[in-house]
Amino acid sequence: MASVYRETTAPGGLRDVVRCLWEDTGRAPKRIVPDGCVDLVACGGEVFVAGPDTTAWTWETPPGTRAYGVRFVPGRARDVLGLGADELRDRRVPLGDLWGKEGELLAERVLCGGVSLADVVARRRADGADREISELIARLDGGVPRVSAALDRFATGERQLRRRFTLAVGYGPATYLRVTRFQRAIGLAPTAPDLASLAFSAGYADQAHLSRDCREFAGVQAREFFRAKKCAMSIVDR
């Protein structure tokens, strides 16, 4: 059975902290690559937080299992979870370990259908986004070639800004810039005629630069990874 994955828009009141809601009802193994996000996930009788990744991991849902989750906007998970995203980097943490007894009770209610994951986010969210960090993320997402260009003209000193960024996102601006550029390449891959064109369109210095990041973030050669992406897109289009 092929993997059936779909994303839906977050409820209006949560769109500043939640990028999307998602659901996966397939059994095919999935190669999850870094995207700069933190997810709150329910699957297989457990509710857990998937922290920001720095390398790929393979996930396969058990037969008959539905996995679903909330994907936070980069930099905003801390407003809900109550701790720095850097403490969650490359980790999967049960909600009970994160919030103690309250987390255990909420997980039980989610799994029995008493509350949704969106309800949990709405209940726990704190007001007050870090506007400078949000602006820095937007600049990095916008395709700047270097972190120094994104850090220009902030009132806060660079060292403090980098520290706050790591706390909010899970890793520093340089790693995030590489991750968001790789994600841009993934989005452009279905229409790119070849890897050299893809690298140029995504903002890489050259094809070798894209290949290095692909090996680090996806764990496979770029040609193999992006060929699979194109095949998956062609199946969806049918």
Protein backbone atom coordinates (compact mmCIF):
# COMPACT_ATOMS: atom_id res chain seq x y z
CA MET A 1 0.00 0.00 0.00
CA ALA A 2 1.40 3.39 -1.00
CA SER A 3 1.74 6.15 1.52
CA VAL A 4 -1.21 8.56 1.56
CA TYR A 5 -0.08 11.88 2.98
CA ARG A 6 -2.08 15.10 3.03
CA GLU A 7 -1.77 18.53 4.60
CA THR A 8 -4.54 20.95 5.55
CA THR A 9 -4.48 24.58 6.58
CA ALA A 10 -4.43 25.33 10.30
CA PRO A 11 -7.49 26.96 11.91
CA GLY A 12 -7.45 30.73 11.49
CA GLY A 13 -6.58 31.52 15.09
CA LEU A 14 -3.50 29.28 14.98
CA ARG A 15 -1.94 30.21 11.65
CA ASP A 16 0.70 32.42 13.22
CA VAL A 17 2.09 29.42 15.14
CA VAL A 18 1.00 26.39 13.05
CA ARG A 19 2.22 25.89 9.48
CA CYS A 20 -0.19 23.05 8.74
CA LEU A 21 -2.07 20.04 10.05
CA TRP A 22 -1.10 16.74 8.41
CA GLU A 23 -2.23 13.14 8.20
CA ASP A 24 -0.55 9.99 6.93
CA THR A 25 -2.56 6.81 6.45
CA GLY A 26 -0.05 4.83 4.40
CA ARG A 27 2.45 2.17 5.40
CA ALA A 28 5.31 2.87 3.00
CA PRO A 29 8.57 3.88 4.70
CA LYS A 30 9.09 7.64 4.59
CA ARG A 31 12.41 9.42 4.50
CA ILE A 32 11.90 12.52 6.66
CA VAL A 33 14.41 15.25 5.83
CA PRO A 34 15.12 18.44 7.83
CA ASP A 35 12.66 21.30 7.29
CA GLY A 36 13.37 23.61 10.24
CA CYS A 37 10.08 22.70 11.92
CA VAL A 38 8.94 21.03 15.13
CA ASP A 39 5.91 18.69 15.00
CA LEU A 40 3.42 17.50 17.60
CA VAL A 41 2.51 13.96 16.49
CA ALA A 42 -0.05 11.30 17.41
CA CYS A 43 0.67 7.78 16.19
CA GLY A 44 0.52 4.21 17.43
CA GLY A 45 -0.93 4.97 20.85
CA GLU A 46 1.54 7.74 21.62
CA VAL A 47 1.65 11.53 21.38
CA PHE A 48 5.13 12.94 21.04
CA VAL A 49 7.10 15.96 19.89
CA ALA A 50 9.42 15.54 16.91
CA GLY A 51 12.17 18.10 17.25
CA PRO A 52 14.00 19.91 14.45
CA ASP A 53 16.17 17.48 12.51
CA THR A 54 19.67 17.93 11.20
CA THR A 55 19.67 14.71 9.16
CA ALA A 56 17.16 12.31 7.64
CA TRP A 57 15.31 9.62 9.54
CA THR A 58 13.09 6.82 8.22
CA TRP A 59 9.62 6.37 9.61
CA GLU A 60 7.14 3.60 8.82
CA THR A 61 3.72 3.52 10.45
CA PRO A 62 2.50 0.09 11.64
CA PRO A 63 -0.23 -1.61 9.54
CA GLY A 64 -3.64 -0.05 10.11
CA THR A 65 -2.19 2.92 11.98
CA ARG A 66 -3.09 6.53 11.26
CA ALA A 67 -0.47 9.13 12.01
CA TYR A 68 -1.40 12.79 12.26
CA GLY A 69 0.21 15.93 13.54
CA VAL A 70 0.60 19.66 13.89
CA ARG A 71 3.62 21.26 12.21
CA PHE A 72 4.71 24.46 13.89
CA VAL A 73 5.88 27.54 12.04
CA PRO A 74 9.70 27.66 12.36
CA GLY A 75 10.61 29.51 15.53
CA ARG A 76 7.15 29.28 17.13
CA ALA A 77 7.09 25.84 18.80
CA ARG A 78 8.59 27.27 21.97
CA ASP A 79 5.50 29.46 22.44
CA VAL A 80 3.44 26.30 22.87
CA LEU A 81 5.84 23.68 24.21
CA GLY A 82 7.47 25.90 26.82
CA LEU A 83 11.11 25.05 26.16
CA GLY A 84 13.77 25.92 23.64
CA ALA A 85 13.69 24.06 20.34
CA ASP A 86 17.43 23.43 20.73
CA GLU A 87 16.58 21.02 23.58
CA LEU A 88 14.49 18.99 21.11
CA ARG A 89 16.99 18.87 18.25
CA ASP A 90 17.08 15.40 16.61
CA ARG A 91 14.83 14.01 19.38
CA ARG A 92 11.39 12.41 19.71
CA VAL A 93 9.95 13.24 23.14
CA PRO A 94 6.66 11.80 24.54
CA LEU A 95 4.26 14.51 25.67
CA GLY A 96 4.26 13.05 29.17
CA ASP A 97 8.03 13.46 29.44
CA LEU A 98 7.69 17.06 28.29
CA TRP A 99 4.76 18.22 30.45
CA GLY A 100 4.57 15.55 33.15
CA LYS A 101 1.16 14.43 34.37
CA GLU A 102 -0.64 17.12 32.38
CA GLY A 103 1.06 15.86 29.23
CA GLU A 104 0.05 12.27 29.97
CA LEU A 105 -3.58 13.26 30.48
CA LEU A 106 -3.65 15.39 27.34
CA ALA A 107 -2.11 12.56 25.33
CA GLU A 108 -4.81 10.17 26.56
CA ARG A 109 -7.54 12.64 25.58
CA VAL A 110 -6.03 13.15 22.14
CA LEU A 111 -5.79 9.41 21.49
CA CYS A 112 -9.38 8.76 22.58
CA GLY A 113 -10.68 11.68 20.51
CA GLY A 114 -11.62 13.91 23.43
CA VAL A 115 -9.47 16.78 22.15
CA SER A 116 -7.56 17.43 18.94
CA LEU A 117 -3.90 18.33 18.62
CA ALA A 118 -5.03 21.77 17.47
CA ASP A 119 -7.01 22.08 20.73
CA VAL A 120 -3.84 21.29 22.68
CA VAL A 121 -1.92 23.98 20.79
CA ALA A 122 -4.68 26.54 21.32
CA ARG A 123 -4.81 25.77 25.03
CA ARG A 124 -1.07 25.95 25.62
CA ARG A 125 0.07 28.76 23.33
CA ALA A 126 1.59 31.89 24.80
CA ASP A 127 1.32 35.32 23.22
CA GLY A 128 4.24 37.38 22.05
CA ALA A 129 6.30 36.19 19.09
CA ASP A 130 9.91 37.33 18.95
CA ARG A 131 9.53 39.79 16.07
CA GLU A 132 13.24 40.04 15.32
CA ILE A 133 13.55 36.27 15.06
CA SER A 134 10.46 36.11 12.84
CA GLU A 135 11.99 38.76 10.59
CA LEU A 136 15.33 36.94 10.48
CA ILE A 137 13.59 33.68 9.51
CA ALA A 138 11.70 35.52 6.76
CA ARG A 139 14.96 36.92 5.39
CA LEU A 140 16.61 33.50 5.40
CA ASP A 141 13.55 31.94 3.75
CA GLY A 142 13.69 34.69 1.14
CA GLY A 143 16.87 33.29 -0.38
CA VAL A 144 19.71 35.45 0.93
CA PRO A 145 23.07 33.95 -0.12
CA ARG A 146 24.74 34.37 3.29
CA VAL A 147 23.66 34.71 6.92
CA SER A 148 25.56 38.00 7.21
CA ALA A 149 23.18 39.55 4.68
CA ALA A 150 20.17 38.46 6.73
CA LEU A 151 21.66 39.76 10.00
CA ASP A 152 22.19 43.28 8.66
CA ARG A 153 20.36 46.26 10.22
CA PHE A 154 18.94 44.65 13.36
CA ALA A 155 18.88 46.72 16.55
CA THR A 156 20.02 43.72 18.60
CA GLY A 157 23.66 42.60 18.58
CA GLU A 158 24.55 39.66 16.36
CA ARG A 159 25.66 37.35 19.18
CA GLN A 160 22.42 37.78 21.12
CA LEU A 161 20.34 37.43 17.96
CA ARG A 162 22.07 34.16 17.06
CA ARG A 163 21.49 32.83 20.59
CA ARG A 164 17.78 33.69 20.48
CA PHE A 165 17.49 32.17 17.02
CA THR A 166 18.96 28.86 18.17
CA LEU A 167 16.60 28.82 21.16
CA ALA A 168 13.58 29.42 18.94
CA VAL A 169 14.44 27.31 15.88
CA GLY A 170 16.65 24.57 17.27
CA TYR A 171 19.86 25.38 15.43
CA GLY A 172 21.73 28.46 14.28
CA PRO A 173 20.98 30.70 11.28
CA ALA A 174 23.68 29.10 9.12
CA THR A 175 22.19 25.62 9.47
CA TYR A 176 18.67 26.96 8.99
CA LEU A 177 19.75 28.75 5.80
CA ARG A 178 21.07 25.46 4.42
CA VAL A 179 17.90 23.61 5.44
CA THR A 180 15.53 26.14 3.89
CA ARG A 181 17.60 26.20 0.68
CA PHE A 182 17.42 22.40 0.50
CA GLN A 183 13.66 22.56 1.03
CA ARG A 184 13.46 25.09 -1.80
CA ALA A 185 15.27 22.60 -4.03
CA ILE A 186 12.75 19.90 -3.08
CA GLY A 187 9.89 22.19 -4.05
CA LEU A 188 11.46 23.04 -7.41
CA ALA A 189 12.59 19.49 -8.25
CA PRO A 190 9.48 18.30 -10.14
CA THR A 191 9.93 20.95 -12.86
CA ALA A 192 13.73 21.13 -13.01
CA PRO A 193 15.23 19.56 -16.17
CA ASP A 194 18.46 18.49 -14.44
CA LEU A 195 20.41 18.84 -11.20
CA ALA A 196 22.53 21.74 -12.42
CA SER A 197 19.41 23.78 -13.24
CA LEU A 198 17.84 22.79 -9.95
CA ALA A 199 20.91 23.90 -7.99
CA PHE A 200 20.94 27.29 -9.74
CA SER A 201 17.19 27.88 -9.23
CA ALA A 202 17.35 26.95 -5.52
CA GLY A 203 20.24 29.34 -4.85
CA TYR A 204 23.20 26.95 -4.66
CA ALA A 205 26.65 27.94 -5.87
CA ASP A 206 26.74 24.89 -8.13
CA GLN A 207 25.54 21.29 -8.47
CA ALA A 208 28.29 19.99 -6.19
CA HIS A 209 27.05 22.28 -3.43
CA LEU A 210 23.52 20.84 -3.75
CA SER A 211 24.93 17.30 -3.80
CA ARG A 212 26.85 17.84 -0.56
CA ASP A 213 23.78 19.15 1.25
CA CYS A 214 21.66 16.30 -0.10
CA ARG A 215 24.08 13.70 1.23
CA GLU A 216 24.06 15.37 4.65
CA PHE A 217 20.34 16.10 4.96
CA ALA A 218 18.84 13.16 3.06
CA GLY A 219 21.54 10.52 3.46
CA VAL A 220 21.53 9.58 -0.24
CA GLN A 221 22.99 10.86 -3.51
CA ALA A 222 21.21 13.85 -5.03
CA ARG A 223 20.40 12.04 -8.28
CA GLU A 224 18.68 9.21 -6.40
CA PHE A 225 16.85 11.53 -3.98
CA PHE A 226 15.43 13.95 -6.55
CA ARG A 227 14.56 11.16 -9.00
CA ALA A 228 12.40 9.64 -6.24
CA LYS A 229 10.79 13.04 -5.61
CA LYS A 230 9.87 13.36 -9.28
CA CYS A 231 8.42 9.85 -9.36
CA ALA A 232 6.34 10.52 -6.27
CA MET A 233 5.00 13.74 -7.80
CA SER A 234 4.08 11.99 -11.06
CA ILE A 235 2.08 9.37 -9.11
CA VAL A 236 0.21 12.11 -7.23
CA ASP A 237 -0.55 13.97 -10.49
CA ARG A 238 -2.27 10.91 -11.91
